[in-house]
Amino acid sequence: IRCSYTAYDDKDCLSHAISIGFNDTGDKIYSGHKNYIRIFDVNRPGRYCKSIKTYTKKNKGHHGFMSCFSFQTQSLHYAYQENSNDTYNTTVNYSHLPANDKLISVGSYSGEIGIYSSCSPSKDSLV
């Protein structure tokens, strides 16, 4: 083992990852947890990470286990179908983002897709 990355919850207990993904440049590891996304820098092993809380009881939000990641730059387009008669299309345009900022689409086992900015600790959109 060359190095390890450990995530701890708000009670300082070890938190296991449900899913992991690398960004397109390979310098960040994204791990999905229950109601959290944790971002590790591969150049800094250990327990230090940036945490994005996806759900609170007060503010609601994107709840459940974060199961998959997708990384984009400027805009995202989603087409989804709730039943056989209705099809919905959603386009989210983020052309105002700085050049170094990335969009992270995160799916959860609860069936929601949250869109987050890599520079902001809050959710931008919930589909």
Protein backbone atom coordinates (compact mmCIF):
# COMPACT_ATOMS: atom_id res chain seq x y z
CA ILE A 1 0.00 0.00 0.00
CA ARG A 2 1.47 3.30 -1.04
CA CYS A 3 -0.90 5.59 0.91
CA SER A 4 -4.37 5.62 2.40
CA TYR A 5 -7.21 8.09 2.69
CA THR A 6 -9.59 7.88 5.64
CA ALA A 7 -12.88 9.66 6.14
CA TYR A 8 -14.39 10.42 9.52
CA ASP A 9 -17.92 11.59 10.25
CA ASP A 10 -18.96 14.53 12.44
CA LYS A 11 -18.65 12.33 15.58
CA ASP A 12 -15.02 11.46 14.67
CA CYS A 13 -15.91 7.85 13.83
CA LEU A 14 -14.52 6.09 10.80
CA SER A 15 -16.90 6.47 7.85
CA HIS A 16 -16.86 3.91 5.05
CA ALA A 17 -17.25 4.98 1.44
CA ILE A 18 -20.09 3.60 -0.66
CA SER A 19 -18.44 4.68 -3.91
CA ILE A 20 -15.27 6.36 -5.12
CA GLY A 21 -14.25 8.15 -8.28
CA PHE A 22 -11.30 10.06 -9.65
CA ASN A 23 -11.70 13.39 -11.39
CA ASP A 24 -10.59 13.74 -15.02
CA THR A 25 -7.06 14.87 -14.11
CA GLY A 26 -6.58 12.17 -11.47
CA ASP A 27 -5.50 14.53 -8.70
CA LYS A 28 -8.66 14.23 -6.57
CA ILE A 29 -10.52 11.24 -5.14
CA TYR A 30 -14.26 11.71 -4.60
CA SER A 31 -15.91 9.37 -2.11
CA GLY A 32 -19.63 8.95 -1.61
CA HIS A 33 -21.01 8.47 1.89
CA LYS A 34 -24.42 8.72 3.51
CA ASN A 35 -25.42 12.40 3.10
CA TYR A 36 -21.80 13.45 2.40
CA ILE A 37 -19.33 13.78 -0.43
CA ARG A 38 -15.69 13.83 0.58
CA ILE A 39 -12.91 15.08 -1.68
CA PHE A 40 -9.34 13.92 -1.07
CA ASP A 41 -6.22 15.37 -2.67
CA VAL A 42 -4.02 12.47 -3.85
CA ASN A 43 -0.89 14.46 -2.97
CA ARG A 44 -1.96 14.61 0.69
CA PRO A 45 -2.74 11.16 2.10
CA GLY A 46 -4.38 10.73 5.48
CA ARG A 47 -7.63 11.97 6.91
CA TYR A 48 -7.66 15.56 5.59
CA CYS A 49 -10.46 16.06 3.06
CA LYS A 50 -13.00 18.60 1.91
CA SER A 51 -16.52 17.57 2.95
CA ILE A 52 -19.75 18.53 1.23
CA LYS A 53 -22.83 17.86 3.36
CA THR A 54 -25.65 16.96 0.98
CA TYR A 55 -28.56 16.74 3.43
CA THR A 56 -29.67 18.25 6.73
CA LYS A 57 -32.98 17.75 8.51
CA LYS A 58 -33.52 21.50 8.60
CA ASN A 59 -32.70 22.36 4.97
CA LYS A 60 -33.42 18.95 3.39
CA GLY A 61 -31.46 18.37 0.18
CA HIS A 62 -29.86 15.40 -1.51
CA HIS A 63 -30.25 12.45 0.87
CA GLY A 64 -29.10 8.87 0.94
CA PHE A 65 -25.95 7.05 -0.06
CA MET A 66 -24.00 8.83 -2.80
CA SER A 67 -23.48 6.08 -5.36
CA CYS A 68 -21.86 7.51 -8.52
CA PHE A 69 -20.01 10.56 -9.84
CA SER A 70 -19.73 12.33 -13.17
CA PHE A 71 -17.47 15.33 -13.85
CA GLN A 72 -18.38 18.09 -16.32
CA THR A 73 -17.37 21.63 -17.25
CA GLN A 74 -19.85 24.26 -18.57
CA SER A 75 -23.29 22.62 -18.91
CA LEU A 76 -25.25 19.45 -18.26
CA HIS A 77 -28.28 18.00 -20.00
CA TYR A 78 -30.58 15.42 -18.42
CA ALA A 79 -33.46 13.58 -20.00
CA TYR A 80 -35.51 11.39 -17.73
CA GLN A 81 -38.84 9.62 -17.84
CA GLU A 82 -41.16 9.18 -14.85
CA ASN A 83 -43.65 6.97 -16.68
CA SER A 84 -44.33 5.83 -20.23
CA ASN A 85 -46.29 9.00 -21.16
CA ASP A 86 -44.08 11.79 -19.79
CA THR A 87 -40.50 12.64 -20.74
CA TYR A 88 -38.73 15.58 -19.09
CA ASN A 89 -35.64 17.39 -20.33
CA THR A 90 -33.53 19.64 -18.17
CA THR A 91 -30.49 21.67 -19.18
CA VAL A 92 -28.35 23.29 -16.52
CA ASN A 93 -25.99 25.97 -17.87
CA TYR A 94 -23.03 27.04 -15.77
CA SER A 95 -21.14 29.23 -18.23
CA HIS A 96 -20.47 31.71 -15.41
CA LEU A 97 -18.12 29.28 -13.62
CA PRO A 98 -14.41 30.08 -13.34
CA ALA A 99 -12.13 28.10 -15.65
CA ASN A 100 -10.73 25.94 -12.82
CA ASP A 101 -14.15 25.01 -11.42
CA LYS A 102 -15.74 21.69 -12.27
CA LEU A 103 -19.30 20.45 -11.95
CA ILE A 104 -19.89 17.19 -10.16
CA SER A 105 -23.07 15.24 -10.84
CA VAL A 106 -23.74 12.85 -7.99
CA GLY A 107 -26.36 10.11 -8.07
CA SER A 108 -27.73 8.51 -4.96
CA TYR A 109 -29.55 5.29 -4.16
CA SER A 110 -32.61 7.42 -3.33
CA GLY A 111 -32.95 8.13 -7.08
CA GLU A 112 -31.88 11.79 -6.99
CA ILE A 113 -29.11 13.50 -8.93
CA GLY A 114 -27.40 16.46 -7.28
CA ILE A 115 -25.17 18.90 -9.13
CA TYR A 116 -22.35 20.41 -7.12
CA SER A 117 -19.53 22.84 -7.83
CA SER A 118 -16.05 21.70 -6.87
CA CYS A 119 -15.32 25.16 -5.38
CA SER A 120 -18.57 25.50 -3.43
CA PRO A 121 -19.63 23.37 -0.44
CA SER A 122 -23.33 23.63 -1.31
CA LYS A 123 -25.63 21.97 -3.83
CA ASP A 124 -26.29 23.96 -7.00
CA SER A 125 -29.23 21.93 -8.36
CA LEU A 126 -31.22 18.81 -7.58
CA VAL A 127 -32.81 16.83 -10.42
